[in-house]
């Protein structure tokens, strides 16, 4: 049983699929010295994945060295090189390959060895089709999701290289410090969530041996959240690159309720929430805001985090969205000791208008502090707990979107910050995703 028995069916013609729902075809390696078992697995998976077959360990190693393997099914007991030895060699070639072990002769020792080498599943022969299909589907899902996250990480590294290599024009040199401070502040929230979820996943992996289906589903769910955070970091980086490069783009737009749903996910695990209450009220029917989804998310997240941090005592923060079908009566807004209106002069007061209120029942803002809170680097937090950039970034993003910001506060009763932004009724595929951000 030499290498000539290795069979590559990766060129098998895939079934015709709807382009809108087509998923990437992962590569599955089957290693078994029993021809009948290999043929059975080939029949099960030939239409689902790019399939590679090997009749022995050396053949499998050669295929893994020449091809990108996502998932491998290994028979533990084979003549010559055992499945455990093949697993060990595969880990050396690519530590992230998902491996499923199958055997008709299970022993405690082989099970222990397989788990030590991080086999993702362990199935006894004879296996039923549903069991092996589910095991491979779960393993492939984890592998493809991990590959996507790694791809995003690589893209982030390329963006960081762009930052380092970009020659900023001389006229921007005076504000370079403010720009990079804004970058680090904006990315910090996403990195905080990424770190929190990574610690949760690491803890679950260390506690669960072996992993149950519920554990795997929990891990996949949190990996998706991490991936969204990575995408957010990438988009934030592109926004600042566009600013530095003076690039221009068309007016961005985003689904309002999708941004609010992302906000809820971000807030859920943010360390600032603590034991405070949080309530989110989306639109009854989704509509479109004329603003980058990442920018709106950053505005609302900064306001929400600020509201959570306004008091060390337990309090409530609420975010509520509503559509206003007519232009605002601008005469109602005034600057007083308990109220501020910002960017009224740059506000596009064309209906419909999105209004998102972030309110808390905290201690409120003192009259002598109120005029300063949107100034860059102003903070009331002690030590190094605050940068004083959050609210200044909020105001800058609202100005760029031709929106307005209205703040109402009363000492001892709380604060409400309402963001007004140009909007459109309804949504469409062309408006659900953010385009590349415009230059500021």
Protein backbone atom coordinates (compact mmCIF):
# COMPACT_ATOMS: atom_id res chain seq x y z
CA UNK A 1 0.00 0.00 0.00
CA UNK A 2 2.32 2.74 -1.23
CA UNK A 3 1.87 6.26 -2.44
CA UNK A 4 0.46 5.11 -5.76
CA UNK A 5 -2.83 4.42 -3.97
CA UNK A 6 -3.25 8.06 -3.02
CA UNK A 7 -6.19 9.45 -4.92
CA UNK A 8 -6.93 13.13 -5.60
CA UNK A 9 -10.54 13.90 -6.42
CA UNK A 10 -10.24 17.62 -5.77
CA UNK A 11 -11.16 18.34 -9.40
CA UNK A 12 -14.56 16.69 -9.00
CA UNK A 13 -17.11 18.98 -10.61
CA UNK A 14 -19.22 20.62 -7.89
CA UNK A 15 -22.98 20.71 -7.97
CA UNK A 16 -24.54 23.84 -9.46
CA UNK A 17 -25.46 26.17 -6.60
CA UNK A 18 -27.21 29.48 -6.27
CA UNK A 19 -24.52 32.18 -6.44
CA UNK A 20 -26.09 34.08 -3.58
CA UNK A 21 -25.82 31.11 -1.19
CA UNK A 22 -22.66 29.38 -2.49
CA UNK A 23 -20.10 28.65 0.23
CA UNK A 24 -16.36 28.05 -0.19
CA UNK A 25 -15.51 24.37 -0.85
CA UNK A 26 -13.08 23.23 1.81
CA UNK A 27 -10.54 20.44 1.22
CA UNK A 28 -11.10 17.11 3.02
CA UNK A 29 -8.33 14.51 3.38
CA UNK A 30 -9.41 10.88 4.04
CA UNK A 31 -6.72 8.48 5.27
CA UNK A 32 -7.70 4.80 5.67
CA UNK A 33 -5.94 1.59 4.63
CA UNK A 34 -9.28 -0.17 4.05
CA UNK A 35 -10.45 0.42 0.49
CA UNK A 36 -14.10 -0.13 1.37
CA UNK A 37 -13.97 2.53 4.07
CA UNK A 38 -12.27 5.01 1.73
CA UNK A 39 -14.86 4.38 -0.98
CA UNK A 40 -17.72 4.85 1.50
CA UNK A 41 -16.31 8.17 2.68
CA UNK A 42 -15.71 9.23 -0.93
CA UNK A 43 -19.37 8.57 -1.77
CA UNK A 44 -20.53 10.57 1.27
CA UNK A 45 -18.39 13.68 0.71
CA UNK A 46 -17.47 13.84 -2.99
CA UNK A 47 -20.18 16.43 -3.78
CA UNK A 48 -19.53 18.59 -0.72
CA UNK A 49 -15.76 19.17 -0.55
CA UNK A 50 -12.55 18.98 -2.55
CA UNK A 51 -11.58 15.41 -1.67
CA UNK A 52 -8.13 13.84 -1.26
CA UNK A 53 -7.79 10.10 -0.52
CA UNK A 54 -4.77 8.26 0.88
CA UNK A 55 -4.33 4.55 1.66
CA UNK A 56 -1.46 5.00 4.14
CA UNK A 57 0.36 7.51 6.31
CA UNK A 58 3.23 8.45 3.96
CA UNK A 59 0.76 9.13 1.13
CA UNK A 60 -1.28 11.35 3.43
CA UNK A 61 1.81 13.32 4.48
CA UNK A 62 2.76 13.92 0.84
CA UNK A 63 -0.74 15.17 0.03
CA UNK A 64 -0.70 17.50 3.05
CA UNK A 65 2.67 18.93 1.98
CA UNK A 66 1.40 19.65 -1.54
CA UNK A 67 -2.17 20.79 -0.77
CA UNK A 68 -3.97 23.11 1.63
CA UNK A 69 -5.92 20.73 3.90
CA UNK A 70 -8.83 22.02 5.96
CA UNK A 71 -10.13 18.81 7.60
CA UNK A 72 -8.63 15.32 7.80
CA UNK A 73 -10.35 12.01 8.65
CA UNK A 74 -7.77 9.55 10.00
CA UNK A 75 -8.15 5.85 10.74
CA UNK A 76 -6.17 5.19 13.92
CA UNK A 77 -5.11 1.58 13.21
CA UNK A 78 -3.26 1.32 9.90
CA UNK A 79 -0.33 -0.83 8.87
CA UNK A 80 2.98 1.01 8.88
CA UNK A 81 2.32 4.53 10.13
CA UNK A 82 -0.59 4.71 12.60
CA UNK A 83 -3.27 7.40 12.55
CA UNK A 84 -1.79 8.94 15.71
CA UNK A 85 1.58 9.27 13.96
CA UNK A 86 -0.10 10.82 10.91
CA UNK A 87 -1.95 13.25 13.22
CA UNK A 88 1.36 14.27 14.79
CA UNK A 89 2.96 14.88 11.38
CA UNK A 90 -0.08 16.87 10.18
CA UNK A 91 0.18 19.09 13.25
CA UNK A 92 3.80 19.77 12.26
CA UNK A 93 2.80 20.67 8.66
CA UNK A 94 -0.19 22.82 9.65
CA UNK A 95 -1.18 23.12 13.34
CA UNK A 96 -4.63 24.47 12.46
CA UNK A 97 -5.88 21.47 10.43
CA UNK A 98 -9.08 20.04 11.95
CA UNK A 99 -8.67 16.27 12.46
CA UNK A 100 -11.36 13.62 13.07
CA UNK A 101 -10.18 10.20 14.28
CA UNK A 102 -12.07 6.99 13.41
CA UNK A 103 -11.40 3.49 14.71
CA UNK A 104 -12.97 0.12 15.38
CA UNK A 105 -10.59 -0.51 18.30
CA UNK A 106 -10.90 2.32 20.78
CA UNK A 107 -8.54 2.30 23.77
CA UNK A 108 -8.01 4.78 26.56
CA UNK A 109 -4.41 5.27 25.47
CA UNK A 110 -5.26 6.14 21.84
CA UNK A 111 -8.06 8.42 22.96
CA UNK A 112 -5.68 10.23 25.32
CA UNK A 113 -3.06 10.60 22.55
CA UNK A 114 -5.63 11.92 20.08
CA UNK A 115 -6.88 14.52 22.59
CA UNK A 116 -3.31 15.54 23.43
CA UNK A 117 -2.74 16.27 19.73
CA UNK A 118 -6.00 18.28 19.62
CA UNK A 119 -8.13 15.95 17.50
CA UNK A 120 -11.47 17.72 17.07
CA UNK A 121 -13.58 14.53 17.17
CA UNK A 122 -13.32 10.78 17.81
CA UNK A 123 -15.77 8.41 16.05
CA UNK A 124 -16.11 4.63 16.37
CA UNK A 125 -16.60 2.29 13.44
CA UNK A 126 -19.06 1.41 12.11
CA UNK A 127 -20.30 5.01 11.92
CA UNK A 128 -23.60 6.22 10.51
CA UNK A 129 -23.70 8.80 7.72
CA UNK A 130 -25.37 11.50 9.82
CA UNK A 131 -22.71 11.30 12.55
CA UNK A 132 -19.74 11.55 10.18
CA UNK A 133 -21.43 14.31 8.13
CA UNK A 134 -22.13 16.41 11.22
CA UNK A 135 -18.60 15.92 12.54
CA UNK A 136 -17.02 17.02 9.25
CA UNK A 137 -19.45 19.91 8.77
CA UNK A 138 -18.66 21.29 12.26
CA UNK A 139 -14.93 20.87 11.75
CA UNK A 140 -15.05 22.50 8.29
CA UNK A 141 -17.11 25.41 9.65
CA UNK A 142 -14.55 26.06 12.38
CA UNK A 143 -11.66 25.78 9.92
CA UNK A 144 -13.14 28.15 7.31
CA UNK A 145 -14.11 30.67 9.99
CA UNK A 146 -10.60 30.54 11.45
CA UNK A 147 -9.12 31.01 7.97
CA UNK A 148 -11.31 34.07 7.42
CA UNK A 149 -10.20 35.55 10.74
CA UNK A 150 -6.54 34.91 9.84
CA UNK A 151 -7.13 36.59 6.48
CA UNK A 152 -8.57 39.65 8.21
CA UNK A 153 -5.62 39.71 10.60
CA UNK A 154 -3.26 39.68 7.62
CA UNK A 155 -5.23 42.53 6.06
CA UNK A 156 -4.94 44.48 9.30
CA UNK A 157 -1.18 43.98 9.27
CA UNK A 158 -1.03 45.26 5.69
CA UNK A 159 -3.01 48.32 6.78
CA UNK A 160 -0.59 48.93 9.64
CA UNK A 161 2.26 48.75 7.13
CA UNK A 162 0.42 51.33 5.01
CA UNK A 163 0.23 53.62 8.04
CA UNK A 164 3.95 53.31 8.61
CA UNK A 165 4.89 53.80 4.95
CA UNK A 166 2.44 56.61 4.19
CA UNK A 167 4.16 59.98 3.67
CA UNK A 168 1.86 62.52 5.26
CA UNK A 169 1.76 65.87 3.52
CA UNK A 170 3.56 68.69 5.31
CA UNK A 171 0.33 70.64 5.95
CA UNK A 172 -1.01 67.69 8.00
CA UNK A 173 2.03 67.43 10.25
CA UNK A 174 0.56 69.81 12.85
CA UNK A 175 -2.46 67.55 13.49
CA UNK A 176 -0.67 64.21 13.17
CA UNK A 177 -0.76 63.61 16.94
CA UNK A 178 -4.53 64.15 17.09
CA UNK A 179 -5.13 61.80 14.15
CA UNK A 180 -3.18 58.90 15.61
CA UNK A 181 -4.68 59.47 19.06
CA UNK A 182 -8.12 59.17 17.44
CA UNK A 183 -7.12 55.95 15.69
CA UNK A 184 -5.99 54.32 18.91
CA UNK A 185 -9.09 55.49 20.78
CA UNK A 186 -11.48 54.21 18.09
CA UNK A 187 -9.77 50.83 17.76
CA UNK A 188 -9.50 50.42 21.55
CA UNK A 189 -13.17 49.51 22.01
CA UNK A 190 -13.00 46.76 19.39
CA UNK A 191 -9.74 45.43 20.80
CA UNK A 192 -11.31 45.39 24.27
CA UNK A 193 -14.13 43.17 23.02
CA UNK A 194 -11.73 40.96 21.04
CA UNK A 195 -9.60 40.48 24.15
CA UNK A 196 -12.64 39.69 26.30
CA UNK A 197 -14.04 37.09 23.90
CA UNK A 198 -10.61 35.52 23.38
CA UNK A 199 -10.26 35.05 27.16
CA UNK A 200 -13.75 33.52 27.35
CA UNK A 201 -12.96 31.07 24.54
CA UNK A 202 -9.60 30.18 26.09
CA UNK A 203 -11.29 29.53 29.43
CA UNK A 204 -13.98 27.34 27.84
CA UNK A 205 -11.34 25.32 25.95
CA UNK A 206 -9.35 24.73 29.13
CA UNK A 207 -12.43 23.63 31.07
CA UNK A 208 -14.09 21.35 28.49
CA UNK A 209 -12.45 17.99 27.68
CA UNK A 210 -13.67 16.69 25.35
CA UNK A 211 -15.71 19.50 23.77
CA UNK A 212 -19.48 18.95 23.55
CA UNK A 213 -21.64 20.09 20.58
CA UNK A 214 -22.88 22.98 22.79
CA UNK A 215 -19.26 23.97 23.51
CA UNK A 216 -18.46 24.00 19.77
CA UNK A 217 -21.53 26.07 18.92
CA UNK A 218 -20.68 28.53 21.72
CA UNK A 219 -17.10 28.86 20.43
CA UNK A 220 -18.25 29.36 16.81
CA UNK A 221 -20.70 32.08 17.91
CA UNK A 222 -18.00 33.98 19.78
CA UNK A 223 -15.49 33.55 16.94
CA UNK A 224 -18.01 35.26 14.65
CA UNK A 225 -18.22 38.18 17.10
CA UNK A 226 -14.42 38.42 17.17
CA UNK A 227 -14.42 38.42 13.36
CA UNK A 228 -16.91 41.32 13.29
CA UNK A 229 -14.65 43.23 15.67
CA UNK A 230 -11.64 42.58 13.43
CA UNK A 231 -13.64 43.84 10.43
CA UNK A 232 -14.52 46.95 12.45
CA UNK A 233 -10.83 47.59 13.20
CA UNK A 234 -10.03 47.21 9.49
CA UNK A 235 -12.73 49.67 8.48
CA UNK A 236 -11.72 52.18 11.14
CA UNK A 237 -8.16 51.98 9.85
CA UNK A 238 -9.31 52.54 6.28
CA UNK A 239 -11.30 55.58 7.39
CA UNK A 240 -8.18 57.26 8.75
CA UNK A 241 -6.10 56.21 5.75
CA UNK A 242 -8.71 57.89 3.55
CA UNK A 243 -8.43 61.01 5.67
CA UNK A 244 -4.64 61.10 5.45
CA UNK A 245 -4.65 60.34 1.72
CA UNK A 246 -7.39 62.87 0.91
CA UNK A 247 -9.43 60.19 -0.86
CA UNK A 248 -13.08 60.92 -1.70
CA UNK A 249 -15.98 58.50 -1.88
CA UNK A 250 -19.73 58.61 -2.44
CA UNK A 251 -22.07 59.30 0.46
CA UNK A 252 -22.09 56.19 2.66
CA UNK A 253 -25.25 54.64 4.05
CA UNK A 254 -26.12 51.80 6.41
CA UNK A 255 -28.99 49.81 7.91
CA UNK A 256 -30.01 51.51 11.16
CA UNK A 257 -31.25 48.40 12.98
CA UNK A 258 -28.17 46.41 11.94
CA UNK A 259 -25.94 49.04 13.55
CA UNK A 260 -28.09 48.94 16.69
CA UNK A 261 -27.87 45.13 16.76
CA UNK A 262 -24.07 45.35 16.49
CA UNK A 263 -24.08 47.93 19.30
CA UNK A 264 -25.95 45.51 21.55
CA UNK A 265 -23.36 42.79 20.84
CA UNK A 266 -20.49 45.18 21.60
CA UNK A 267 -22.05 46.51 24.81
CA UNK A 268 -22.91 43.04 26.11
CA UNK A 269 -19.29 42.20 26.93
CA UNK A 270 -17.81 45.67 27.38
CA UNK A 271 -16.09 46.01 30.77
CA UNK A 272 -17.65 49.44 31.38
CA UNK A 273 -21.14 47.93 31.63
CA UNK A 274 -20.50 46.21 34.96
CA UNK A 275 -23.78 45.65 36.81
CA UNK A 276 -25.56 48.54 35.12
CA UNK A 277 -28.78 48.03 33.16
CA UNK A 278 -28.89 48.45 29.39
CA UNK A 279 -31.95 48.73 27.16
CA UNK A 280 -32.01 49.18 23.38
CA UNK A 281 -35.10 50.19 21.38
CA UNK A 282 -34.58 49.82 17.60
CA UNK A 283 -36.90 51.11 14.89
CA UNK A 284 -40.14 49.20 14.43
CA UNK A 285 -39.26 49.05 10.74
CA UNK A 286 -35.67 49.26 9.52
CA UNK A 287 -34.52 52.30 7.51
CA UNK A 288 -31.27 53.74 6.17
CA UNK A 289 -28.96 56.37 7.64
CA UNK A 290 -26.70 58.45 5.37
CA UNK A 291 -23.59 57.66 7.38
CA UNK A 292 -21.00 54.92 7.48
CA UNK A 293 -22.25 52.07 9.67
CA UNK A 294 -18.88 51.93 11.42
CA UNK A 295 -19.00 55.68 12.12
CA UNK A 296 -22.53 55.48 13.56
CA UNK A 297 -21.56 52.46 15.65
CA UNK A 298 -18.52 54.34 16.97
CA UNK A 299 -20.65 57.38 17.84
CA UNK A 300 -23.23 55.34 19.74
CA UNK A 301 -20.65 53.11 21.42
CA UNK A 302 -18.67 56.12 22.68
CA UNK A 303 -21.85 57.76 23.99
CA UNK A 304 -23.03 54.53 25.64
CA UNK A 305 -19.65 53.84 27.27
CA UNK A 306 -19.56 57.44 28.51
CA UNK A 307 -23.04 56.95 29.99
CA UNK A 308 -21.98 53.73 31.74
CA UNK A 309 -18.91 55.44 33.18
CA UNK A 310 -20.75 58.54 34.44
CA UNK A 311 -21.33 57.01 37.88
CA UNK A 312 -19.81 54.23 39.99
CA UNK A 313 -23.28 53.44 41.39
CA UNK A 314 -25.60 51.08 39.53
CA UNK A 315 -27.71 52.96 36.97
CA UNK A 316 -29.52 52.48 33.67
CA UNK A 317 -28.49 53.39 30.12
CA UNK A 318 -31.02 53.38 27.30
CA UNK A 319 -30.57 53.78 23.53
CA UNK A 320 -33.71 54.58 21.52
CA UNK A 321 -34.05 55.22 17.77
CA UNK A 322 -36.93 56.95 16.00
CA UNK A 323 -37.62 58.47 12.59
CA UNK A 324 -38.74 62.10 12.28
CA UNK A 325 -40.82 62.63 9.08
CA UNK A 326 -40.44 66.43 8.96
CA UNK A 327 -37.61 69.02 9.30
CA UNK A 328 -36.76 69.96 12.87
CA UNK A 329 -37.88 73.29 14.35
CA UNK A 330 -34.39 74.62 15.05
CA UNK A 331 -35.77 77.41 17.24
CA UNK A 332 -36.41 74.88 20.03
CA UNK A 333 -32.69 74.30 20.58
CA UNK A 334 -30.76 76.58 22.93
CA UNK A 335 -27.41 76.65 24.70
CA UNK A 336 -28.01 76.95 28.45
CA UNK A 337 -26.46 75.65 31.68
CA UNK A 338 -28.41 72.40 31.16
CA UNK A 339 -28.51 72.10 27.39
CA UNK A 340 -26.15 72.23 24.42
CA UNK A 341 -26.71 71.99 20.66
CA UNK A 342 -23.72 71.34 18.39
CA UNK A 343 -23.19 71.65 14.60
CA UNK A 344 -26.53 73.34 13.99
CA UNK A 345 -24.85 75.43 11.31
CA UNK A 346 -23.68 72.32 9.39
CA UNK A 347 -26.84 70.26 9.95
CA UNK A 348 -28.73 68.92 6.89
CA UNK A 349 -32.28 69.48 8.15
CA UNK A 350 -33.93 67.56 5.31
CA UNK A 351 -36.60 65.01 6.21
CA UNK A 352 -36.64 62.17 7.02
CA UNK A 353 -34.27 62.46 9.95
CA UNK A 354 -32.96 59.72 12.23
CA UNK A 355 -32.92 60.58 15.94
CA UNK A 356 -31.01 58.27 18.30
CA UNK A 357 -31.15 59.15 22.00
CA UNK A 358 -28.62 57.81 24.53
CA UNK A 359 -29.94 58.51 28.02
CA UNK A 360 -28.87 57.65 31.55
CA UNK A 361 -30.26 58.27 35.03
CA UNK A 362 -26.83 59.05 36.47
CA UNK A 363 -25.63 62.15 38.32
CA UNK A 364 -25.92 64.56 35.39
CA UNK A 365 -23.31 67.12 34.26
CA UNK A 366 -22.44 70.18 36.32
CA UNK A 367 -22.93 73.58 34.62
CA UNK A 368 -19.22 74.49 34.83
CA UNK A 369 -18.24 71.20 33.14
CA UNK A 370 -20.86 71.17 30.38
CA UNK A 371 -19.18 73.64 27.94
CA UNK A 372 -15.92 71.66 28.00
CA UNK A 373 -16.96 68.03 27.53
CA UNK A 374 -16.60 68.00 23.73
CA UNK A 375 -13.15 69.58 23.78
CA UNK A 376 -10.30 67.22 22.74
CA UNK A 377 -8.38 65.71 25.68
CA UNK A 378 -10.82 67.04 28.29
CA UNK A 379 -11.73 64.37 30.85
CA UNK A 380 -13.11 64.22 34.37
CA UNK A 381 -11.72 60.72 34.95
CA UNK A 382 -8.89 60.38 37.41
CA UNK A 383 -5.40 59.05 36.65
CA UNK A 384 -5.00 57.43 33.22
CA UNK A 385 -8.56 56.08 33.00
CA UNK A 386 -9.64 58.46 30.26
CA UNK A 387 -8.11 60.03 27.15
CA UNK A 388 -10.65 62.83 26.73
CA UNK A 389 -11.09 61.91 23.05
CA UNK A 390 -14.36 59.96 22.98
CA UNK A 391 -16.82 62.86 22.78
CA UNK A 392 -14.59 64.95 20.49
CA UNK A 393 -14.50 62.00 18.06
CA UNK A 394 -18.31 61.74 18.32
CA UNK A 395 -18.69 65.40 17.36
CA UNK A 396 -16.23 65.13 14.47
CA UNK A 397 -18.04 62.11 12.98
CA UNK A 398 -21.44 63.80 13.34
CA UNK A 399 -20.14 66.92 11.59
CA UNK A 400 -18.81 64.80 8.72
CA UNK A 401 -22.25 63.21 8.28
CA UNK A 402 -23.96 66.67 8.35
CA UNK A 403 -25.76 65.73 11.54
CA UNK A 404 -26.40 67.56 14.82
CA UNK A 405 -26.02 66.68 18.49
CA UNK A 406 -28.33 67.82 21.27
CA UNK A 407 -27.40 67.31 24.95
CA UNK A 408 -29.81 67.78 27.85
CA UNK A 409 -28.75 67.23 31.47
CA UNK A 410 -29.93 67.92 35.00
CA UNK A 411 -27.75 67.40 38.06
CA UNK A 412 -29.02 64.44 40.07
CA UNK A 413 -31.41 63.22 37.35
CA UNK A 414 -29.23 62.18 34.41
CA UNK A 415 -28.28 63.08 30.85
CA UNK A 416 -29.75 62.53 27.37
CA UNK A 417 -27.66 62.94 24.22
CA UNK A 418 -29.67 62.88 20.98
CA UNK A 419 -27.95 62.45 17.62
CA UNK A 420 -29.81 63.74 14.53
CA UNK A 421 -28.70 62.40 11.13
CA UNK A 422 -29.92 62.53 7.52
CA UNK A 423 -31.79 59.33 6.66
CA UNK A 424 -33.91 57.58 4.04
CA UNK A 425 -36.96 55.38 4.39
CA UNK A 426 -36.50 51.70 3.57
CA UNK A 427 -33.41 49.62 2.93
CA UNK A 428 -31.91 47.88 -0.09
CA UNK A 429 -28.95 45.56 -0.77
CA UNK A 430 -26.96 48.54 -1.98
CA UNK A 431 -27.43 50.36 1.33
CA UNK A 432 -27.03 47.55 3.85
CA UNK A 433 -23.24 47.43 3.73
CA UNK A 434 -20.82 50.26 4.23
CA UNK A 435 -18.81 51.54 1.25
CA UNK A 436 -15.28 52.73 1.81
CA UNK A 437 -15.31 55.78 4.10
CA UNK A 438 -15.02 59.30 2.71
CA UNK A 439 -12.19 61.69 3.44
CA UNK A 440 -12.93 64.09 6.26
